[in-house]
Amino acid sequence: MKNVIDERLIYEILSVVEEIPEGKVASYGQIAALIGREKNARLVGRVLSRSSSYGDYPCHRVVNHAGRTAPGWHEQRALLEQEGVKFKKNGHVDMTRYQWDP
């Protein structure tokens, strides 16, 4: 099994992330679907966890399908709030209000 992710795929994912406007969020699955890999949400997450090796991308704008932020990345919520994204009482982003519609 191949453990290395193709660089072309990495930049394809990051180019979608780069398009997410300020004040909006996208889900890992949404990004996977936009690049034609509907079943690869985890791959998107893995790429984003290493994105700093490739440049400065707004990865804080990517959450899971329920609007949960990345585990262990406490700054993510503050970055989103600075852009005007509101969180529900359960601590999740309101996806009906803030999900990006490309």
Protein backbone atom coordinates (compact mmCIF):
# COMPACT_ATOMS: atom_id res chain seq x y z
CA MET A 1 0.00 0.00 0.00
CA LYS A 2 1.27 3.43 -0.93
CA ASN A 3 1.82 5.71 2.07
CA VAL A 4 2.92 8.78 0.14
CA ILE A 5 0.33 11.29 -1.08
CA ASP A 6 0.83 12.58 -4.61
CA GLU A 7 1.93 16.24 -4.58
CA ARG A 8 -0.51 17.08 -7.36
CA LEU A 9 -3.36 15.85 -5.15
CA ILE A 10 -2.05 17.88 -2.21
CA TYR A 11 -2.08 21.08 -4.24
CA GLU A 12 -5.50 20.23 -5.68
CA ILE A 13 -6.88 20.02 -2.12
CA LEU A 14 -5.07 23.16 -1.00
CA SER A 15 -6.26 25.13 -4.03
CA VAL A 16 -9.88 24.39 -3.03
CA VAL A 17 -9.17 25.41 0.57
CA GLU A 18 -7.67 28.64 -0.73
CA GLU A 19 -11.02 29.47 -2.40
CA ILE A 20 -13.09 29.30 0.82
CA PRO A 21 -14.07 32.91 1.53
CA GLU A 22 -13.55 34.62 4.85
CA GLY A 23 -16.51 34.02 7.16
CA LYS A 24 -17.42 30.68 5.55
CA VAL A 25 -16.46 27.07 6.23
CA ALA A 26 -16.30 23.88 4.19
CA SER A 27 -16.33 20.29 5.37
CA TYR A 28 -13.63 17.73 4.65
CA GLY A 29 -16.17 15.73 2.65
CA GLN A 30 -17.22 18.78 0.66
CA ILE A 31 -13.61 19.40 -0.37
CA ALA A 32 -13.18 15.72 -1.26
CA ALA A 33 -16.28 15.90 -3.46
CA LEU A 34 -15.09 19.09 -5.15
CA ILE A 35 -11.91 17.34 -6.29
CA GLY A 36 -13.82 14.26 -7.46
CA ARG A 37 -12.88 12.01 -4.50
CA GLU A 38 -16.18 11.84 -2.60
CA LYS A 39 -15.05 9.07 -0.26
CA ASN A 40 -11.75 10.68 0.75
CA ALA A 41 -12.67 13.13 3.53
CA ARG A 42 -10.00 11.61 5.81
CA LEU A 43 -7.38 12.10 3.12
CA VAL A 44 -8.33 15.78 2.99
CA GLY A 45 -7.89 15.98 6.77
CA ARG A 46 -4.50 14.31 6.56
CA VAL A 47 -3.32 16.74 3.89
CA LEU A 48 -4.58 19.74 5.86
CA SER A 49 -2.81 18.57 9.01
CA ARG A 50 0.47 18.96 7.08
CA SER A 51 -0.46 22.01 5.02
CA SER A 52 2.06 24.34 6.66
CA SER A 53 4.77 22.44 4.76
CA TYR A 54 3.27 23.78 1.53
CA GLY A 55 2.53 27.39 2.38
CA ASP A 56 -0.05 29.50 4.16
CA TYR A 57 -3.60 28.26 3.56
CA PRO A 58 -6.83 29.09 5.45
CA CYS A 59 -7.22 25.55 6.79
CA HIS A 60 -9.03 26.92 9.83
CA ARG A 61 -12.05 27.26 7.52
CA VAL A 62 -12.40 23.48 7.23
CA VAL A 63 -14.50 21.60 9.78
CA ASN A 64 -16.19 18.22 9.84
CA HIS A 65 -19.68 17.66 8.38
CA ALA A 66 -21.32 18.45 11.74
CA GLY A 67 -19.38 21.71 12.13
CA ARG A 68 -16.88 20.42 14.69
CA THR A 69 -13.42 21.94 14.68
CA ALA A 70 -10.25 19.88 14.45
CA PRO A 71 -9.38 18.04 17.67
CA GLY A 72 -6.44 19.59 19.50
CA TRP A 73 -6.42 22.79 17.42
CA HIS A 74 -7.79 25.24 19.96
CA GLU A 75 -6.94 28.34 17.90
CA GLN A 76 -9.26 27.26 15.09
CA ARG A 77 -12.41 28.49 16.84
CA ALA A 78 -10.85 31.89 17.62
CA LEU A 79 -9.72 32.29 13.99
CA LEU A 80 -13.22 31.54 12.74
CA GLU A 81 -14.83 33.86 15.29
CA GLN A 82 -12.50 36.67 14.14
CA GLU A 83 -14.03 36.20 10.67
CA GLY A 84 -17.56 36.47 12.05
CA VAL A 85 -18.42 32.76 12.17
CA LYS A 86 -20.77 32.02 15.07
CA PHE A 87 -20.88 28.78 17.00
CA LYS A 88 -23.97 27.00 18.30
CA LYS A 89 -24.37 26.17 21.99
CA ASN A 90 -22.90 22.70 21.37
CA GLY A 91 -19.64 24.32 20.16
CA HIS A 92 -20.17 23.47 16.48
CA VAL A 93 -20.28 25.87 13.54
CA ASP A 94 -23.81 26.43 12.28
CA MET A 95 -23.35 24.72 8.90
CA THR A 96 -26.71 25.89 7.55
CA ARG A 97 -25.59 29.48 8.02
CA TYR A 98 -21.85 29.41 7.35
CA GLN A 99 -21.18 26.55 4.92
CA TRP A 100 -19.52 27.72 1.73
CA ASP A 101 -21.53 27.21 -1.43
CA PRO A 102 -18.99 27.26 -4.27
